[in-house]
N, C-alpha and C. Protein backbone atom coordinates (compact mmCIF):
# COMPACT_ATOMS: atom_id res chain seq x y z
N MET A 1 -3.98 -5.56 2.84
CA MET A 1 -4.66 -5.28 1.60
C MET A 1 -3.85 -5.33 0.60
N THR A 2 -4.09 -6.16 -0.53
CA THR A 2 -3.41 -6.03 -1.72
C THR A 2 -3.98 -5.04 -2.80
N THR A 3 -3.04 -4.45 -3.47
CA THR A 3 -3.13 -3.51 -4.42
C THR A 3 -3.85 -4.25 -5.74
N PRO A 4 -4.86 -3.88 -6.19
CA PRO A 4 -5.31 -4.59 -7.52
C PRO A 4 -4.40 -4.11 -8.63
N ALA A 5 -4.27 -5.09 -9.74
CA ALA A 5 -3.30 -5.03 -10.71
C ALA A 5 -3.73 -3.58 -11.39
N ALA A 6 -4.96 -3.24 -11.76
CA ALA A 6 -5.18 -1.97 -12.42
C ALA A 6 -4.81 -0.86 -11.68
N VAL A 7 -4.55 -0.82 -10.22
CA VAL A 7 -4.35 0.22 -9.57
C VAL A 7 -2.76 0.46 -9.53
N ALA A 8 -2.09 -0.71 -9.38
CA ALA A 8 -0.60 -0.88 -9.54
C ALA A 8 -0.19 -0.42 -10.82
N GLY A 9 -0.89 -0.71 -12.10
CA GLY A 9 -0.40 -0.30 -13.43
C GLY A 9 -0.57 1.15 -13.43
N ALA A 10 -1.68 1.71 -12.73
CA ALA A 10 -1.99 3.18 -12.65
C ALA A 10 -0.80 3.96 -12.19
N LEU A 11 -0.59 3.22 -10.94
CA LEU A 11 0.68 3.83 -9.90
C LEU A 11 1.81 3.97 -10.76
N THR A 12 2.22 3.02 -11.35
CA THR A 12 3.58 2.85 -12.17
C THR A 12 3.46 3.81 -13.15
N ARG A 13 2.38 3.86 -13.96
CA ARG A 13 2.48 4.96 -15.08
C ARG A 13 2.55 6.40 -14.60
N LEU A 14 1.68 6.69 -13.34
CA LEU A 14 1.73 8.20 -12.72
C LEU A 14 3.21 8.29 -12.48
N ALA A 15 3.99 7.47 -11.80
CA ALA A 15 5.34 7.66 -11.50
C ALA A 15 6.15 8.05 -12.51
N GLN A 16 5.81 7.66 -14.03
CA GLN A 16 6.66 7.84 -14.95
C GLN A 16 6.47 9.04 -15.96
N TYR A 17 5.24 9.68 -15.72
CA TYR A 17 4.86 10.87 -16.45
C TYR A 17 5.94 12.05 -16.04
N ASN A 18 6.29 12.80 -17.12
CA ASN A 18 7.42 13.55 -16.68
C ASN A 18 7.27 14.91 -17.84
N SER A 19 7.86 16.17 -17.63
CA SER A 19 7.72 17.24 -18.24
C SER A 19 8.80 17.30 -19.41
N GLY A 20 9.48 16.26 -19.87
CA GLY A 20 10.33 16.22 -20.72
C GLY A 20 9.69 15.98 -22.22
N ASP A 21 10.57 16.05 -23.31
CA ASP A 21 9.73 15.91 -24.60
C ASP A 21 9.23 14.54 -24.65
N TYR A 22 8.10 14.45 -25.43
CA TYR A 22 7.43 13.20 -25.72
C TYR A 22 8.39 12.64 -26.86
N GLU A 23 8.80 11.51 -26.92
CA GLU A 23 9.40 10.47 -27.85
C GLU A 23 8.82 9.19 -27.65
N PRO A 24 8.09 8.61 -28.65
CA PRO A 24 7.49 7.32 -28.42
C PRO A 24 8.50 6.28 -28.10
N ALA A 25 9.77 6.21 -28.53
CA ALA A 25 10.66 5.14 -28.12
C ALA A 25 11.20 5.52 -26.75
N SER A 26 11.78 6.61 -26.66
CA SER A 26 12.85 6.96 -25.30
C SER A 26 12.00 7.64 -24.27
N ASN A 27 10.97 8.30 -24.45
CA ASN A 27 10.20 8.97 -23.48
C ASN A 27 8.82 9.11 -23.76
N PRO A 28 7.95 7.75 -23.68
CA PRO A 28 6.69 7.74 -24.20
C PRO A 28 5.73 8.41 -22.91
N ARG A 29 6.28 9.03 -21.74
CA ARG A 29 5.39 9.46 -20.85
C ARG A 29 5.57 11.27 -20.64
N GLY A 30 6.45 11.57 -21.56
CA GLY A 30 6.68 13.03 -21.68
C GLY A 30 5.43 13.79 -21.86
N PHE A 31 5.55 14.94 -21.44
CA PHE A 31 4.28 15.87 -21.53
C PHE A 31 4.59 16.92 -22.81
N ASP A 32 5.81 17.16 -22.72
CA ASP A 32 6.34 18.50 -23.64
C ASP A 32 6.26 17.83 -25.22
N ASP A 33 6.24 18.83 -25.94
CA ASP A 33 6.29 18.50 -27.39
C ASP A 33 5.33 17.70 -27.99
N GLY A 34 4.03 18.20 -27.30
CA GLY A 34 2.85 17.28 -28.16
C GLY A 34 2.60 16.22 -27.15
N GLY A 35 3.24 15.86 -26.17
CA GLY A 35 3.23 14.69 -25.57
C GLY A 35 1.78 14.92 -24.51
N HIS A 36 1.64 16.07 -24.13
CA HIS A 36 0.50 16.47 -23.28
C HIS A 36 -0.71 15.96 -24.08
N VAL A 37 -1.03 16.04 -25.15
CA VAL A 37 -2.40 15.76 -26.11
C VAL A 37 -2.44 14.03 -25.89
N ILE A 38 -1.33 13.62 -25.85
CA ILE A 38 -1.51 12.01 -25.83
C ILE A 38 -1.51 11.52 -24.47
N ASN A 39 -0.74 12.18 -23.42
CA ASN A 39 -0.40 11.62 -22.08
C ASN A 39 -1.48 12.20 -21.06
N PHE A 40 -1.84 13.48 -21.25
CA PHE A 40 -2.70 13.97 -20.26
C PHE A 40 -4.15 13.28 -20.01
N PRO A 41 -4.86 12.90 -21.12
CA PRO A 41 -5.88 12.16 -20.83
C PRO A 41 -5.64 10.79 -19.91
N ALA A 42 -4.66 10.20 -20.43
CA ALA A 42 -4.27 8.94 -19.62
C ALA A 42 -3.78 9.03 -18.29
N ALA A 43 -3.24 10.31 -18.07
CA ALA A 43 -2.74 10.44 -16.57
C ALA A 43 -4.01 10.93 -15.71
N LEU A 44 -4.88 11.58 -16.40
CA LEU A 44 -6.13 11.77 -15.68
C LEU A 44 -6.87 10.63 -15.36
N ALA A 45 -7.07 9.50 -16.41
CA ALA A 45 -7.82 8.43 -16.11
C ALA A 45 -7.04 7.67 -14.99
N ASP A 46 -5.58 7.57 -14.92
CA ASP A 46 -4.76 6.93 -14.06
C ASP A 46 -5.24 7.38 -12.60
N MET A 47 -5.27 8.74 -12.41
CA MET A 47 -5.65 9.56 -11.24
C MET A 47 -7.00 9.12 -10.90
N VAL A 48 -7.95 8.99 -11.70
CA VAL A 48 -9.36 8.65 -11.40
C VAL A 48 -9.08 7.21 -10.65
N THR A 49 -8.50 6.27 -11.35
CA THR A 49 -8.54 4.78 -11.06
C THR A 49 -7.60 4.77 -9.48
N VAL A 50 -6.86 5.44 -9.36
CA VAL A 50 -6.22 5.56 -8.04
C VAL A 50 -6.99 6.11 -6.90
N SER A 51 -7.63 7.18 -7.28
CA SER A 51 -8.45 8.11 -6.32
C SER A 51 -9.78 7.21 -6.01
N ASN A 52 -10.27 6.53 -6.79
CA ASN A 52 -11.48 5.53 -6.72
C ASN A 52 -11.05 4.50 -5.71
N TRP A 53 -9.99 3.74 -6.08
CA TRP A 53 -9.36 2.79 -5.19
C TRP A 53 -9.09 3.25 -3.81
N ILE A 54 -8.55 4.29 -3.69
CA ILE A 54 -8.18 5.02 -2.21
C ILE A 54 -9.68 5.23 -1.54
N ALA A 55 -10.33 6.10 -2.30
CA ALA A 55 -11.80 6.26 -1.50
C ALA A 55 -12.54 5.15 -1.06
N GLY A 56 -12.51 4.05 -1.81
CA GLY A 56 -13.36 2.80 -1.46
C GLY A 56 -12.72 2.15 -0.51
N THR A 57 -11.44 2.17 0.06
CA THR A 57 -10.81 1.56 1.29
C THR A 57 -11.02 2.11 2.53
N PHE A 58 -11.79 3.19 2.53
CA PHE A 58 -12.24 3.89 3.86
C PHE A 58 -13.47 3.46 4.13
N ALA A 59 -13.81 3.28 5.30
CA ALA A 59 -15.37 2.89 5.71
C ALA A 59 -15.83 4.40 6.24
N PRO A 60 -17.27 4.49 5.86
CA PRO A 60 -17.78 5.74 6.26
C PRO A 60 -17.81 5.86 7.52
N VAL A 61 -17.76 7.23 7.97
CA VAL A 61 -17.59 7.78 9.49
C VAL A 61 -19.00 8.33 9.62
N ALA A 62 -19.60 7.75 10.76
CA ALA A 62 -20.68 8.65 11.41
C ALA A 62 -20.45 9.98 11.87
N VAL A 63 -21.07 11.09 11.59
CA VAL A 63 -20.60 12.34 12.38
C VAL A 63 -21.85 12.62 13.22
N THR A 64 -21.50 13.06 14.30
CA THR A 64 -22.76 13.46 15.21
C THR A 64 -22.18 14.85 15.77
N GLU A 65 -23.16 15.75 16.08
CA GLU A 65 -22.92 17.13 16.87
C GLU A 65 -22.74 16.80 18.11
N GLY A 66 -21.73 17.29 18.84
CA GLY A 66 -21.46 17.09 20.13
C GLY A 66 -21.99 18.44 20.97
N PRO A 67 -21.89 18.24 22.34
CA PRO A 67 -22.35 19.32 22.99
C PRO A 67 -21.77 20.75 22.86
N ARG A 68 -22.33 21.85 23.10
CA ARG A 68 -21.83 23.29 22.79
C ARG A 68 -21.42 23.81 24.20
């Protein structure tokens, strides 16, 4: 199974988020020094993208009760 481009992009960005100071040029994925305001909503959106893709890759499983 190939990873869709949107998911690959989200995974790449998720790997780049960090707790360093936000600097637009040198550390655009930093959460500190105001970066949380810019990056946290984007990080959540990336998590949703990846989570939805993962959830969609699994087939439903029928659950039945066994003997007691």
